[in-house]
């Protein structure tokens, strides 16, 4: 208990939290901008995958009418992009 002022484990936890909050508030702007840029690039993968799936559906089904191809491409885009986005969102430590 020496140097802890009788705070116990809770006092240690609060001290760590204060250091974390103080450290987060004094980050350089370049670090924050770089993190935002990385976050933006993370979402390029789901959108690109969804678009690729949609284009492949349209190219691979020339014998089907245009509105059915559009409907299938839209379903493929939503499904592929949604699955990829959900995976990336669950692996992001900032989402809470």
Protein backbone atom coordinates (compact mmCIF):
# COMPACT_ATOMS: atom_id res chain seq x y z
CA UNK A 1 0.00 0.00 0.00
CA UNK A 2 2.99 2.30 -0.01
CA UNK A 3 2.55 5.13 -2.49
CA UNK A 4 -1.02 4.13 -3.30
CA UNK A 5 -2.72 6.35 -0.69
CA UNK A 6 -5.10 3.50 0.15
CA UNK A 7 -6.78 3.68 -3.25
CA UNK A 8 -6.48 -0.04 -3.97
CA UNK A 9 -6.99 -1.53 -7.40
CA UNK A 10 -9.68 0.98 -8.35
CA UNK A 11 -7.20 3.83 -7.94
CA UNK A 12 -4.80 2.11 -10.29
CA UNK A 13 -7.53 1.63 -12.87
CA UNK A 14 -8.57 5.28 -12.73
CA UNK A 15 -4.96 6.38 -13.11
CA UNK A 16 -4.60 4.29 -16.24
CA UNK A 17 -7.82 5.70 -17.66
CA UNK A 18 -6.68 9.27 -17.01
CA UNK A 19 -3.39 8.63 -18.81
CA UNK A 20 -5.30 7.14 -21.74
CA UNK A 21 -7.65 10.10 -22.01
CA UNK A 22 -4.84 12.63 -21.65
CA UNK A 23 -2.75 10.80 -24.24
CA UNK A 24 -5.67 10.75 -26.67
CA UNK A 25 -6.33 14.46 -26.30
CA UNK A 26 -2.77 15.53 -27.15
CA UNK A 27 -2.25 13.43 -30.28
CA UNK A 28 -0.74 15.30 -33.19
CA UNK A 29 -3.14 16.20 -35.98
CA UNK A 30 -1.08 14.23 -38.48
CA UNK A 31 -1.70 11.02 -36.52
CA UNK A 32 -5.45 11.65 -36.44
CA UNK A 33 -5.49 12.47 -40.16
CA UNK A 34 -3.52 9.32 -40.97
CA UNK A 35 -5.95 7.20 -38.93
CA UNK A 36 -8.91 8.73 -40.75
CA UNK A 37 -7.23 8.07 -44.11
CA UNK A 38 -6.64 4.41 -43.17
CA UNK A 39 -10.26 4.11 -42.08
CA UNK A 40 -11.39 5.48 -45.43
CA UNK A 41 -9.22 2.99 -47.33
CA UNK A 42 -10.63 0.12 -45.22
CA UNK A 43 -14.07 0.66 -46.73
CA UNK A 44 -12.75 0.59 -50.29
CA UNK A 45 -12.45 -3.22 -50.10
CA UNK A 46 -16.16 -3.93 -49.46
CA UNK A 47 -17.32 -1.45 -52.08
CA UNK A 48 -14.81 -2.75 -54.65
CA UNK A 49 -15.74 -6.36 -53.95
CA UNK A 50 -19.43 -5.60 -54.27
CA UNK A 51 -18.92 -3.74 -57.54
CA UNK A 52 -16.78 -6.56 -58.91
CA UNK A 53 -19.48 -9.10 -58.03
CA UNK A 54 -22.14 -6.93 -59.68
CA UNK A 55 -20.09 -6.50 -62.86
CA UNK A 56 -19.38 -10.23 -63.07
CA UNK A 57 -23.10 -10.98 -62.70
CA UNK A 58 -23.92 -8.59 -65.54
CA UNK A 59 -21.16 -9.93 -67.79
CA UNK A 60 -21.88 -13.57 -67.00
CA UNK A 61 -25.61 -13.41 -67.75
CA UNK A 62 -26.03 -11.95 -71.25
CA UNK A 63 -29.03 -14.18 -72.00
CA UNK A 64 -31.16 -12.70 -69.17
CA UNK A 65 -33.20 -9.52 -69.59
CA UNK A 66 -31.59 -6.30 -68.40
CA UNK A 67 -33.88 -5.71 -65.43
CA UNK A 68 -33.27 -9.19 -63.99
CA UNK A 69 -29.52 -8.75 -64.47
CA UNK A 70 -29.74 -5.39 -62.71
CA UNK A 71 -31.70 -6.96 -59.86
CA UNK A 72 -29.19 -9.82 -59.49
CA UNK A 73 -26.26 -7.39 -59.64
CA UNK A 74 -27.85 -5.24 -56.94
CA UNK A 75 -28.39 -8.27 -54.69
CA UNK A 76 -24.79 -9.38 -55.25
CA UNK A 77 -23.46 -5.90 -54.49
CA UNK A 78 -25.46 -5.57 -51.27
CA UNK A 79 -24.58 -9.06 -50.09
CA UNK A 80 -20.85 -9.00 -50.87
CA UNK A 81 -20.29 -5.42 -49.72
CA UNK A 82 -22.41 -5.98 -46.60
CA UNK A 83 -20.54 -9.13 -45.58
CA UNK A 84 -17.15 -7.48 -46.07
CA UNK A 85 -18.22 -4.31 -44.27
CA UNK A 86 -19.60 -6.30 -41.34
CA UNK A 87 -16.33 -8.21 -41.05
CA UNK A 88 -14.25 -5.03 -41.14
CA UNK A 89 -16.55 -3.29 -38.68
CA UNK A 90 -16.30 -6.15 -36.18
CA UNK A 91 -12.50 -6.08 -36.38
CA UNK A 92 -12.31 -2.31 -35.83
CA UNK A 93 -11.33 -1.56 -32.19
CA UNK A 94 -12.86 1.95 -32.36
CA UNK A 95 -16.49 0.92 -32.84
CA UNK A 96 -17.20 0.37 -29.15
